[in-house]
N, C-alpha and C. Protein backbone atom coordinates (compact mmCIF):
# COMPACT_ATOMS: atom_id res chain seq x y z
N UNK A 1 187.34 110.23 120.86
CA UNK A 1 186.95 109.97 119.50
C UNK A 1 186.88 111.42 118.77
N UNK A 2 187.61 111.35 117.62
CA UNK A 2 187.66 112.76 117.08
C UNK A 2 186.35 113.17 116.31
N UNK A 3 186.35 114.31 115.83
CA UNK A 3 185.25 114.86 115.16
C UNK A 3 185.08 114.13 113.79
N UNK A 4 185.99 113.88 113.04
CA UNK A 4 186.04 113.04 111.90
C UNK A 4 185.35 111.68 112.21
N UNK A 5 185.83 111.02 113.27
CA UNK A 5 185.25 109.70 113.49
C UNK A 5 183.77 109.88 113.68
N UNK A 6 183.27 110.86 114.58
CA UNK A 6 181.90 111.10 114.86
C UNK A 6 181.11 111.33 113.62
N UNK A 7 181.63 111.95 112.49
CA UNK A 7 180.98 112.33 111.48
C UNK A 7 180.67 111.03 110.60
N UNK A 8 181.71 110.30 110.48
CA UNK A 8 181.60 108.89 109.79
C UNK A 8 180.57 108.18 110.34
N UNK A 9 180.61 108.24 111.72
CA UNK A 9 179.58 107.27 112.42
C UNK A 9 178.14 107.83 112.34
N UNK A 10 178.04 109.26 112.40
CA UNK A 10 176.63 109.89 112.04
C UNK A 10 176.31 109.51 110.71
N UNK A 11 177.15 109.61 109.63
CA UNK A 11 176.81 109.46 108.25
C UNK A 11 176.25 107.86 108.04
N UNK A 12 177.01 106.94 108.65
CA UNK A 12 176.72 105.50 108.62
C UNK A 12 175.40 105.29 109.27
N UNK A 13 175.15 105.81 110.44
CA UNK A 13 173.80 105.67 111.02
C UNK A 13 172.69 106.24 110.33
N UNK A 14 172.95 107.31 109.69
CA UNK A 14 171.92 108.10 108.81
C UNK A 14 171.50 107.19 107.53
N UNK A 15 172.73 106.63 107.15
CA UNK A 15 172.53 105.61 105.83
C UNK A 15 171.61 104.51 106.29
N UNK A 16 172.02 103.78 107.34
CA UNK A 16 171.17 102.57 107.86
C UNK A 16 169.85 102.96 108.23
N UNK A 17 169.44 104.24 108.64
CA UNK A 17 168.31 104.72 108.97
C UNK A 17 167.37 104.89 107.70
N UNK A 18 167.97 105.58 106.74
CA UNK A 18 167.39 105.90 105.57
C UNK A 18 166.86 104.57 104.74
N UNK A 19 167.82 103.60 104.85
CA UNK A 19 167.73 102.32 103.98
C UNK A 19 167.23 101.14 104.78
N UNK A 20 166.82 101.45 105.96
CA UNK A 20 166.54 100.09 106.80
C UNK A 20 165.45 99.25 106.35
N UNK A 21 164.55 99.66 105.56
CA UNK A 21 163.30 98.91 104.85
C UNK A 21 164.10 98.01 103.88
N UNK A 22 164.74 98.64 103.14
CA UNK A 22 165.55 97.94 101.99
C UNK A 22 166.71 96.94 102.65
N UNK A 23 167.36 97.25 103.52
CA UNK A 23 168.23 96.27 104.28
C UNK A 23 167.48 95.10 104.78
N UNK A 24 166.32 95.44 105.45
CA UNK A 24 165.52 94.34 106.14
C UNK A 24 165.07 93.32 104.88
N UNK A 25 164.47 93.99 103.88
CA UNK A 25 164.01 93.00 102.83
C UNK A 25 165.12 92.17 102.05
N UNK A 26 166.24 92.85 101.88
CA UNK A 26 167.43 92.01 101.35
C UNK A 26 168.08 91.02 102.26
N UNK A 27 168.11 91.29 103.48
CA UNK A 27 168.49 90.28 104.55
C UNK A 27 167.59 89.08 104.54
N UNK A 28 166.44 89.45 104.61
CA UNK A 28 165.12 88.42 104.46
C UNK A 28 165.31 87.53 103.26
N UNK A 29 165.58 88.23 102.25
CA UNK A 29 165.56 87.55 100.97
C UNK A 29 166.94 86.61 100.74
N UNK A 30 167.95 87.07 101.33
CA UNK A 30 169.05 86.14 101.37
C UNK A 30 168.86 84.97 102.37
N UNK A 31 168.42 85.30 103.62
CA UNK A 31 168.14 84.15 104.28
C UNK A 31 167.15 83.16 103.79
N UNK A 32 166.18 83.67 103.00
CA UNK A 32 165.25 82.77 102.16
C UNK A 32 166.13 81.84 101.25
N UNK A 33 166.96 82.45 100.61
CA UNK A 33 168.02 81.69 99.66
C UNK A 33 168.66 80.63 100.43
N UNK A 34 169.14 81.01 101.54
CA UNK A 34 169.93 80.04 102.27
C UNK A 34 169.00 78.77 102.77
N UNK A 35 167.77 79.25 103.15
CA UNK A 35 166.86 78.20 103.63
C UNK A 35 166.49 77.21 102.42
N UNK A 36 166.28 77.94 101.48
CA UNK A 36 165.74 77.25 100.10
C UNK A 36 166.87 76.13 99.65
N UNK A 37 168.24 76.80 99.76
CA UNK A 37 169.27 75.82 99.30
C UNK A 37 169.43 74.69 100.20
N UNK A 38 169.09 74.78 101.55
CA UNK A 38 169.34 73.63 102.46
C UNK A 38 168.17 72.71 102.25
N UNK A 39 166.98 73.38 101.82
CA UNK A 39 166.04 72.27 101.44
C UNK A 39 166.00 71.59 100.11
N UNK A 40 166.62 72.27 99.15
CA UNK A 40 167.08 71.67 97.82
C UNK A 40 167.63 70.24 98.23
N UNK A 41 168.83 70.26 99.21
CA UNK A 41 169.61 69.24 99.47
C UNK A 41 168.63 67.87 99.89
N UNK A 42 167.59 68.20 100.55
CA UNK A 42 166.84 66.97 100.87
C UNK A 42 165.98 66.42 99.54
N UNK A 43 165.70 67.33 98.73
CA UNK A 43 164.95 66.93 97.45
C UNK A 43 165.89 66.11 96.48
N UNK A 44 167.07 66.01 96.67
CA UNK A 44 167.99 65.34 95.66
C UNK A 44 167.81 63.86 96.04
N UNK A 45 167.96 63.05 94.92
CA UNK A 45 167.94 61.62 95.09
C UNK A 45 169.04 60.84 95.57
N UNK A 46 168.82 59.80 96.12
CA UNK A 46 170.00 59.05 96.66
C UNK A 46 171.18 59.17 95.82
N UNK A 47 170.99 58.72 94.43
CA UNK A 47 172.04 58.64 93.66
C UNK A 47 172.78 59.82 93.36
N UNK A 48 171.98 61.00 93.41
CA UNK A 48 172.64 62.34 93.17
C UNK A 48 173.43 62.67 94.33
N UNK A 49 172.97 62.28 95.49
CA UNK A 49 173.84 62.73 96.74
C UNK A 49 175.09 61.68 96.69
N UNK A 50 174.84 60.64 96.24
CA UNK A 50 176.24 59.76 96.38
C UNK A 50 177.20 60.28 95.20
N UNK A 51 176.83 60.63 94.13
CA UNK A 51 177.67 61.24 93.17
C UNK A 51 178.25 62.53 93.60
N UNK A 52 177.60 63.42 94.16
CA UNK A 52 178.09 64.62 94.71
C UNK A 52 178.95 64.34 95.90
N UNK A 53 178.87 63.30 96.76
CA UNK A 53 179.61 62.98 97.85
C UNK A 53 181.01 62.36 97.28
N UNK A 54 180.96 61.70 96.25
CA UNK A 54 182.04 61.05 95.87
C UNK A 54 183.06 62.08 95.22
N UNK A 55 182.58 63.21 94.66
CA UNK A 55 183.48 64.24 93.98
C UNK A 55 183.96 65.09 95.20
N UNK A 56 183.09 65.08 96.14
CA UNK A 56 183.51 65.97 97.39
C UNK A 56 184.60 65.14 98.12
N UNK A 57 184.62 63.78 98.22
CA UNK A 57 185.53 62.88 98.77
C UNK A 57 186.80 62.91 97.98
N UNK A 58 186.81 62.95 96.82
CA UNK A 58 187.97 63.28 95.79
C UNK A 58 188.60 64.54 96.27
N UNK A 59 187.89 65.73 96.23
CA UNK A 59 188.45 67.02 96.73
C UNK A 59 189.01 66.99 98.11
N UNK A 60 188.42 66.32 99.06
CA UNK A 60 188.86 66.35 100.38
C UNK A 60 190.44 65.57 100.44
N UNK A 61 190.38 64.52 99.63
CA UNK A 61 191.58 63.85 99.50
C UNK A 61 192.74 64.45 99.02
N UNK A 62 192.30 65.26 98.11
CA UNK A 62 193.35 66.28 97.54
C UNK A 62 193.85 67.18 98.56
N UNK A 63 192.83 67.85 99.18
CA UNK A 63 193.09 68.79 100.38
C UNK A 63 194.02 68.00 101.27
N UNK A 64 193.69 66.95 101.79
CA UNK A 64 194.51 66.18 102.87
C UNK A 64 195.96 66.11 102.28
N UNK A 65 196.24 65.74 100.96
CA UNK A 65 197.48 65.59 100.38
C UNK A 65 198.06 66.73 99.90
N UNK A 66 197.51 67.82 100.14
CA UNK A 66 198.08 69.17 99.90
C UNK A 66 198.10 69.43 98.27
N UNK A 67 197.23 68.70 97.54
CA UNK A 67 197.16 68.83 96.18
C UNK A 67 195.94 69.90 95.75
N UNK A 68 196.12 71.04 96.19
CA UNK A 68 195.11 72.04 95.84
C UNK A 68 195.95 73.23 95.09
N UNK A 69 195.10 73.96 94.58
CA UNK A 69 195.89 75.31 93.76
C UNK A 69 196.56 76.09 94.69
N UNK A 70 197.61 76.77 94.11
CA UNK A 70 198.38 77.53 94.95
C UNK A 70 197.59 78.80 95.73
N UNK A 71 198.14 79.17 96.79
CA UNK A 71 197.29 80.25 97.41
C UNK A 71 197.20 81.21 96.59
N UNK A 72 198.24 81.76 95.76
CA UNK A 72 198.20 82.87 95.03
C UNK A 72 197.00 82.83 93.88
N UNK A 73 196.96 81.60 93.33
CA UNK A 73 195.89 81.24 92.37
C UNK A 73 194.41 81.24 92.91
N UNK A 74 194.39 80.68 94.18
CA UNK A 74 193.07 80.74 94.85
C UNK A 74 192.64 82.11 95.23
N UNK A 75 193.72 83.09 95.58
CA UNK A 75 193.31 84.52 95.79
C UNK A 75 192.92 85.17 94.56
N UNK A 76 193.48 84.91 93.34
CA UNK A 76 192.90 85.57 92.08
C UNK A 76 191.71 85.06 91.68
N UNK A 77 191.43 83.66 91.91
CA UNK A 77 190.00 83.11 91.58
C UNK A 77 189.00 83.72 92.49
N UNK A 78 189.08 83.99 93.68
CA UNK A 78 188.28 84.37 94.71
C UNK A 78 187.93 85.79 94.46
N UNK A 79 189.01 86.55 94.27
CA UNK A 79 188.76 88.03 94.13
C UNK A 79 188.14 88.33 92.74
N UNK A 80 188.49 87.67 91.71
CA UNK A 80 187.90 87.95 90.37
C UNK A 80 186.56 87.43 90.43
N UNK A 81 186.22 86.33 91.04
CA UNK A 81 184.77 85.80 90.94
C UNK A 81 183.88 86.88 91.93
N UNK A 82 184.25 87.17 93.00
CA UNK A 82 183.41 88.09 93.88
C UNK A 82 183.54 89.57 93.15
N UNK A 83 184.48 89.99 92.69
CA UNK A 83 184.52 91.23 91.94
C UNK A 83 183.52 91.21 90.77
N UNK A 84 183.50 90.24 90.00
CA UNK A 84 182.58 90.24 88.94
C UNK A 84 181.09 90.20 89.36
N UNK A 85 180.80 89.52 90.63
CA UNK A 85 179.54 89.48 91.21
C UNK A 85 179.08 90.93 91.57
N UNK A 86 180.17 91.65 92.27
CA UNK A 86 179.85 92.99 92.77
C UNK A 86 179.61 93.89 91.50
N UNK A 87 180.50 93.59 90.50
CA UNK A 87 180.47 94.55 89.21
C UNK A 87 179.19 94.40 88.62
N UNK A 88 178.61 93.52 88.41
CA UNK A 88 177.21 93.21 87.82
C UNK A 88 176.13 93.79 88.70
N UNK A 89 176.25 93.61 89.90
CA UNK A 89 175.52 94.48 90.72
C UNK A 89 175.32 95.94 90.45
N UNK A 90 176.64 96.51 90.35
CA UNK A 90 176.74 97.78 90.10
C UNK A 90 176.14 98.32 88.85
N UNK A 91 176.36 97.39 87.79
CA UNK A 91 175.83 97.75 86.46
C UNK A 91 174.25 97.62 86.50
N UNK A 92 173.76 96.57 87.09
CA UNK A 92 172.27 96.48 87.20
C UNK A 92 171.60 97.70 88.06
N UNK A 93 172.50 98.24 88.90
CA UNK A 93 171.93 99.27 89.72
C UNK A 93 171.69 100.50 89.11
N UNK A 94 172.45 100.85 87.95
CA UNK A 94 172.30 102.01 87.18
C UNK A 94 171.48 101.72 85.88
N UNK A 95 171.09 100.49 85.82
CA UNK A 95 170.25 100.07 84.37
C UNK A 95 168.88 100.21 84.72
N UNK A 96 168.23 100.47 85.79
CA UNK A 96 166.84 100.57 86.06
C UNK A 96 166.25 99.30 85.85
N UNK A 97 166.27 98.56 84.90
CA UNK A 97 165.53 97.28 84.63
C UNK A 97 166.21 96.31 85.29
N UNK A 98 167.42 96.62 85.93
CA UNK A 98 168.04 95.48 86.47
C UNK A 98 167.77 95.18 88.00
N UNK A 99 166.82 95.94 88.44
CA UNK A 99 166.20 95.75 89.86
C UNK A 99 166.08 94.33 90.18
N UNK A 100 165.10 93.69 89.48
CA UNK A 100 164.75 92.26 89.94
C UNK A 100 165.92 91.36 89.86
N UNK A 101 166.85 91.53 88.92
CA UNK A 101 168.04 90.83 88.79
C UNK A 101 168.87 90.80 89.90
N UNK A 102 169.03 92.21 90.54
CA UNK A 102 169.73 92.09 91.64
C UNK A 102 169.31 91.28 92.83
N UNK A 103 167.96 91.18 92.88
CA UNK A 103 167.39 90.42 94.05
C UNK A 103 167.46 88.98 93.73
N UNK A 104 167.37 88.56 92.42
CA UNK A 104 167.64 87.27 92.08
C UNK A 104 169.02 86.63 92.32
N UNK A 105 169.93 87.77 91.94
CA UNK A 105 171.37 87.24 92.39
C UNK A 105 171.71 86.94 93.77
N UNK A 106 171.06 87.91 94.57
CA UNK A 106 171.49 87.76 96.12
C UNK A 106 170.64 86.53 96.58
N UNK A 107 169.59 86.26 96.16
CA UNK A 107 168.74 84.89 96.52
C UNK A 107 169.58 83.81 96.17
N UNK A 108 170.21 83.77 94.91
CA UNK A 108 171.00 82.56 94.43
C UNK A 108 172.42 82.59 95.20
N UNK A 109 172.85 83.63 95.60
CA UNK A 109 173.99 83.51 96.35
C UNK A 109 173.65 82.83 97.86
N UNK A 110 172.62 83.23 98.43
CA UNK A 110 172.08 82.62 99.59
C UNK A 110 171.78 81.02 99.33
N UNK A 111 171.36 80.74 98.25
CA UNK A 111 171.10 79.42 97.91
C UNK A 111 172.25 78.61 97.84
N UNK A 112 173.43 78.95 97.30
CA UNK A 112 174.51 78.49 97.23
C UNK A 112 175.28 78.08 98.48
N UNK A 113 175.20 79.22 99.28
CA UNK A 113 175.71 79.00 100.76
C UNK A 113 174.78 77.82 101.49
N UNK A 114 173.56 77.94 101.43
CA UNK A 114 172.61 77.04 102.15
C UNK A 114 172.79 75.76 101.63
N UNK A 115 173.10 75.59 100.26
CA UNK A 115 173.10 74.15 99.81
C UNK A 115 174.45 73.65 100.15
N UNK A 116 175.45 74.35 100.16
CA UNK A 116 176.84 73.79 100.55
C UNK A 116 176.98 73.40 101.94
N UNK A 117 176.39 74.14 102.83
CA UNK A 117 176.35 73.86 104.28
C UNK A 117 175.31 72.71 104.51
N UNK A 118 174.32 72.74 104.07
CA UNK A 118 173.25 71.75 104.05
C UNK A 118 173.73 70.41 103.60
N UNK A 119 174.43 70.31 102.51
CA UNK A 119 174.89 69.00 101.81
C UNK A 119 175.94 68.50 102.90
N UNK A 120 176.81 69.34 103.24
CA UNK A 120 177.92 68.72 104.08
C UNK A 120 177.29 68.29 105.45
N UNK A 121 176.52 68.86 105.99
CA UNK A 121 175.77 68.25 107.23
C UNK A 121 174.91 67.13 107.01
N UNK A 122 174.22 67.27 105.95
CA UNK A 122 173.39 66.14 105.59
C UNK A 122 174.14 64.81 105.48
N UNK A 123 175.16 64.92 104.68
CA UNK A 123 176.08 63.54 104.37
C UNK A 123 177.12 63.34 105.46
N UNK A 124 177.53 64.24 106.22
CA UNK A 124 178.77 64.16 107.27
C UNK A 124 178.35 64.44 108.57
N UNK A 125 177.29 64.94 109.01
CA UNK A 125 176.82 65.21 110.29
C UNK A 125 177.65 66.31 110.86
N UNK A 126 178.10 65.98 112.15
CA UNK A 126 178.80 66.99 112.99
C UNK A 126 180.27 67.33 112.14
N UNK A 127 180.75 66.35 111.66
CA UNK A 127 182.11 66.66 110.79
C UNK A 127 181.80 67.37 109.62
N UNK A 128 180.67 67.38 108.96
CA UNK A 128 180.24 68.20 107.89
C UNK A 128 180.11 69.73 108.32
N UNK A 129 179.56 69.76 109.67
CA UNK A 129 179.31 71.04 110.12
C UNK A 129 180.59 71.81 110.30
N UNK A 130 181.70 71.05 110.84
CA UNK A 130 182.96 71.53 111.16
C UNK A 130 183.66 71.99 109.90
N UNK A 131 183.56 71.22 108.73
CA UNK A 131 184.23 71.53 107.58
C UNK A 131 183.47 72.72 106.85
N UNK A 132 182.17 72.75 107.01
CA UNK A 132 181.42 74.06 106.33
C UNK A 132 181.96 75.31 107.26
N UNK A 133 182.04 75.04 108.64
CA UNK A 133 182.40 76.16 109.49
C UNK A 133 184.02 76.70 109.03
N UNK A 134 184.79 75.73 108.59
CA UNK A 134 186.09 76.29 108.24
C UNK A 134 186.22 76.62 106.87
N UNK A 135 185.44 76.07 105.98
CA UNK A 135 185.58 76.18 104.53
C UNK A 135 184.71 77.30 103.90
N UNK A 136 183.39 77.43 104.65
CA UNK A 136 182.60 78.43 104.29
C UNK A 136 182.53 79.75 104.91
N UNK A 137 182.36 79.55 106.31
CA UNK A 137 182.33 80.78 107.07
C UNK A 137 183.37 81.82 107.08
N UNK A 138 184.61 81.46 107.25
CA UNK A 138 185.69 82.60 107.49
C UNK A 138 185.51 83.69 106.31
N UNK A 139 185.61 83.40 105.00
CA UNK A 139 185.55 84.53 104.07
C UNK A 139 184.16 85.03 103.80
N UNK A 140 183.16 84.19 104.27
CA UNK A 140 181.62 84.90 104.11
C UNK A 140 181.35 85.82 105.20
N UNK A 141 182.19 85.58 106.13
CA UNK A 141 182.05 86.71 107.26
C UNK A 141 182.23 88.07 106.57
N UNK A 142 182.90 88.09 105.75
CA UNK A 142 183.18 89.51 105.03
C UNK A 142 182.46 89.64 103.80
N UNK A 143 182.29 88.63 102.99
CA UNK A 143 181.67 88.58 101.55
C UNK A 143 180.15 88.82 101.84
N UNK A 144 179.51 88.10 102.71
CA UNK A 144 177.99 88.11 102.61
C UNK A 144 177.48 89.71 103.17
N UNK A 145 178.13 90.30 104.24
CA UNK A 145 177.64 91.48 104.56
C UNK A 145 178.01 92.55 103.33
N UNK A 146 178.98 92.31 102.71
CA UNK A 146 179.37 93.29 101.46
C UNK A 146 178.56 93.08 100.33
N UNK A 147 178.00 91.74 100.22
CA UNK A 147 177.17 91.61 99.02
C UNK A 147 175.51 92.21 99.45
N UNK A 148 175.32 92.29 100.82
CA UNK A 148 174.09 92.64 101.32
C UNK A 148 174.10 94.02 101.25
N UNK A 149 175.20 94.87 101.66
CA UNK A 149 175.21 96.37 101.37
C UNK A 149 175.22 96.72 99.90
N UNK A 150 176.04 96.01 99.06
CA UNK A 150 176.02 96.43 97.60
C UNK A 150 174.68 96.06 96.99
N UNK A 151 173.81 95.08 97.31
CA UNK A 151 172.53 94.98 96.99
C UNK A 151 171.65 95.99 97.29
N UNK A 152 171.66 96.48 98.51
CA UNK A 152 170.88 97.52 99.11
C UNK A 152 171.15 98.78 98.28
N UNK A 153 172.42 99.04 98.18
CA UNK A 153 172.95 100.33 97.42
C UNK A 153 172.29 100.33 96.05
N UNK A 154 172.44 99.25 95.28
CA UNK A 154 172.13 99.06 93.96
C UNK A 154 170.56 99.18 93.69
N UNK A 155 169.94 98.46 94.68
CA UNK A 155 168.35 98.67 94.82
C UNK A 155 167.92 100.14 94.99
N UNK A 156 168.69 100.63 95.97
CA UNK A 156 168.20 102.04 96.39
C UNK A 156 168.63 103.05 95.21
N UNK A 157 169.65 102.96 94.65
CA UNK A 157 169.99 103.67 93.51
C UNK A 157 169.10 103.59 92.27
N UNK A 158 168.76 102.17 92.00
CA UNK A 158 167.74 101.94 90.90
C UNK A 158 166.40 102.59 91.30
N UNK A 159 165.94 102.47 92.53
CA UNK A 159 164.64 103.06 92.64
C UNK A 159 164.57 104.51 92.68
N UNK A 160 165.77 105.14 93.09
CA UNK A 160 165.86 106.67 92.90
C UNK A 160 165.92 107.06 91.37
N UNK A 161 166.40 106.34 90.28
CA UNK A 161 166.31 106.53 89.06
C UNK A 161 164.95 106.30 88.49
N UNK A 162 164.34 105.06 89.00
CA UNK A 162 162.99 104.91 88.55
C UNK A 162 162.11 106.31 88.79
N UNK A 163 162.14 106.46 90.19
CA UNK A 163 161.34 107.78 90.50
C UNK A 163 161.61 108.86 89.56
N UNK A 164 162.79 109.14 89.43
CA UNK A 164 163.31 110.29 88.60
C UNK A 164 162.74 110.28 87.12
N UNK A 165 162.80 109.03 86.65
CA UNK A 165 162.54 108.77 85.17
C UNK A 165 160.97 108.63 84.84
N UNK A 166 160.48 107.90 85.67
CA UNK A 166 159.13 107.60 85.38
C UNK A 166 157.85 108.26 86.25
N UNK A 167 158.31 108.69 87.44
CA UNK A 167 157.45 109.27 88.27
C UNK A 167 157.56 110.94 88.23
N UNK A 168 158.60 111.37 87.69
CA UNK A 168 158.97 112.62 87.37
C UNK A 168 158.87 113.43 88.69
N UNK A 169 159.65 112.81 89.63
CA UNK A 169 159.80 113.32 91.04
C UNK A 169 161.17 113.95 91.21
N UNK A 170 161.21 115.15 91.62
CA UNK A 170 162.43 115.95 91.73
C UNK A 170 162.92 115.36 93.07
N UNK A 171 164.24 115.14 93.07
CA UNK A 171 164.96 114.90 94.25
C UNK A 171 166.50 115.52 94.24
N UNK A 172 167.22 114.59 94.84
CA UNK A 172 168.73 115.01 94.88
C UNK A 172 169.20 115.01 93.44
N UNK A 173 170.32 115.93 93.07
CA UNK A 173 170.99 115.54 91.86
C UNK A 173 171.45 114.31 91.75
N UNK A 174 171.54 113.69 90.49
CA UNK A 174 171.95 112.36 90.33
C UNK A 174 173.39 112.22 90.26
N UNK A 175 174.28 113.24 89.84
CA UNK A 175 175.62 113.16 89.71
C UNK A 175 176.41 112.97 91.14
N UNK A 176 176.01 113.62 92.31
CA UNK A 176 176.64 113.51 93.53
C UNK A 176 176.12 112.11 94.00
N UNK A 177 175.05 111.55 93.81
CA UNK A 177 174.39 110.27 94.30
C UNK A 177 175.29 109.21 93.58
N UNK A 178 175.42 109.46 92.21
CA UNK A 178 176.23 108.49 91.28
C UNK A 178 177.84 108.42 91.87
N UNK A 179 178.44 109.65 92.22
CA UNK A 179 179.69 109.68 92.72
C UNK A 179 179.84 108.81 94.14
N UNK A 180 178.96 108.96 94.81
CA UNK A 180 178.82 108.20 96.24
C UNK A 180 178.71 106.77 95.87
N UNK A 181 177.92 106.42 95.02
CA UNK A 181 177.50 104.93 94.53
C UNK A 181 178.76 104.17 94.03
N UNK A 182 179.70 105.09 93.30
CA UNK A 182 180.97 104.43 92.73
C UNK A 182 181.91 104.32 93.73
N UNK A 183 181.99 105.39 94.80
CA UNK A 183 182.90 105.13 95.88
C UNK A 183 182.51 103.88 96.74
N UNK A 184 181.33 103.87 97.09
CA UNK A 184 180.86 102.74 98.00
C UNK A 184 181.34 101.36 97.33
N UNK A 185 181.22 101.28 96.15
CA UNK A 185 181.38 99.88 95.40
C UNK A 185 183.01 99.78 95.42
N UNK A 186 183.79 100.92 95.44
CA UNK A 186 185.25 100.77 95.44
C UNK A 186 185.47 100.31 96.55
N UNK A 187 185.07 100.92 97.81
CA UNK A 187 185.31 100.23 99.14
C UNK A 187 184.92 98.95 99.31
N UNK A 188 183.94 98.54 98.63
CA UNK A 188 183.43 97.12 98.66
C UNK A 188 184.47 96.24 98.10
N UNK A 189 185.07 96.66 97.21
CA UNK A 189 186.23 95.98 96.41
C UNK A 189 187.51 95.64 97.28
N UNK A 190 187.68 96.73 97.95
CA UNK A 190 188.79 96.70 98.97
C UNK A 190 188.40 95.34 100.14
N UNK A 191 187.24 95.40 100.45
CA UNK A 191 186.76 94.43 101.44
C UNK A 191 186.98 93.00 100.78
N UNK A 192 186.53 93.04 99.54
CA UNK A 192 186.69 91.54 98.90
C UNK A 192 188.07 91.27 98.69
N UNK A 193 189.22 92.12 98.60
CA UNK A 193 190.60 91.69 98.72
C UNK A 193 190.85 91.14 99.89
N UNK A 194 190.37 91.65 101.17
CA UNK A 194 190.64 90.83 102.46
C UNK A 194 189.92 89.60 102.46
N UNK A 195 188.67 89.49 101.98
CA UNK A 195 187.98 88.08 101.80
C UNK A 195 188.74 87.08 101.07
N UNK A 196 189.32 87.61 100.00
CA UNK A 196 189.96 86.60 98.96
C UNK A 196 191.32 86.14 99.73
N UNK A 197 191.97 86.88 100.52
CA UNK A 197 193.03 86.62 101.36
C UNK A 197 192.82 85.60 102.42
N UNK A 198 191.63 85.69 103.03
CA UNK A 198 191.04 84.64 103.97
C UNK A 198 190.81 83.30 103.20
N UNK A 199 190.17 83.37 102.25
CA UNK A 199 189.85 82.37 101.34
C UNK A 199 191.08 81.35 101.01
N UNK A 200 192.01 82.21 100.45
CA UNK A 200 193.21 81.65 99.90
C UNK A 200 194.38 81.31 101.00
N UNK A 201 194.52 82.01 101.89
CA UNK A 201 195.52 81.73 102.99
C UNK A 201 195.06 81.13 104.21
N UNK A 202 193.86 81.27 104.67
CA UNK A 202 193.54 80.76 106.03
C UNK A 202 192.60 79.57 105.86
N UNK A 203 191.48 79.76 104.95
CA UNK A 203 190.57 78.51 104.89
C UNK A 203 191.28 77.19 104.41
N UNK A 204 192.05 77.22 103.50
CA UNK A 204 192.79 75.96 103.02
C UNK A 204 193.45 75.19 104.29
N UNK A 205 194.19 76.07 105.15
CA UNK A 205 194.81 75.36 106.23
C UNK A 205 193.89 74.86 107.27
N UNK A 206 192.93 75.67 107.69
CA UNK A 206 191.86 75.19 108.39
C UNK A 206 191.23 74.02 107.91
N UNK A 207 190.75 73.90 106.64
CA UNK A 207 190.34 72.68 105.88
C UNK A 207 191.19 71.46 106.24
N UNK A 208 192.52 71.69 105.71
CA UNK A 208 193.46 70.48 105.75
C UNK A 208 193.60 69.96 107.08
N UNK A 209 193.53 70.73 108.14
CA UNK A 209 193.58 70.33 109.67
C UNK A 209 192.27 69.54 109.87
N UNK A 210 191.13 70.05 109.45
CA UNK A 210 189.85 69.19 109.91
C UNK A 210 189.88 68.07 109.00
N UNK A 211 190.20 68.03 107.80
CA UNK A 211 190.10 66.77 106.86
C UNK A 211 191.02 65.78 107.40
N UNK A 212 192.23 66.10 107.83
CA UNK A 212 193.30 65.20 108.31
C UNK A 212 192.75 64.61 109.75
N UNK A 213 192.09 65.37 110.46
CA UNK A 213 191.60 64.67 111.84
C UNK A 213 190.37 63.89 111.55
N UNK A 214 189.62 64.24 110.50
CA UNK A 214 188.33 63.26 110.14
C UNK A 214 189.05 61.91 109.69
N UNK A 215 189.88 62.03 108.71
CA UNK A 215 190.39 60.74 108.06
C UNK A 215 191.28 60.01 109.04
N UNK A 216 191.77 60.58 109.93
CA UNK A 216 192.64 59.78 110.99
C UNK A 216 192.00 58.90 111.89
């Protein structure tokens, strides 16, 4: 291992140690969102579940027939959607008053994931689990860690600004911190490009194979 690789590893380890409490809080908050989303499924009325399942069946029919958006269009939609989410977190992190909104956004993201998986499993059982596994999991293996890291960085930066502005505590100069903050979010966007590629080119193929096997 080169000295440069060791330096990056040490920097990453120091970062996680310094922000371990924020990471723990953010991860627990996200998981609470997932659980709440799954619970919401059970609170839906029979009619609401039937209506949602009808639209879902229509979508699965289109997937099976290959009548879904082109891969490049899906790529753009996924990338711009997730980039807007990350960009909003970045802005909230430097706005001081945006701290609670960052946490609400992450909770809502967890809730959407929990609701999606919970609904598929609730209505389709094991087949729904397989569908959620191929349609939700692949891209979210990249997206969720990125959102958690982004939320932690935004919360941390916001807290440092609050301490500096309201508690008059001297600390590190803000400009170098701001520079690292920008670089971290730029790297996050690169990972979102990879996630969009997975969602556009891999997930639809996996979904089509699972839907076709369910319908056959």
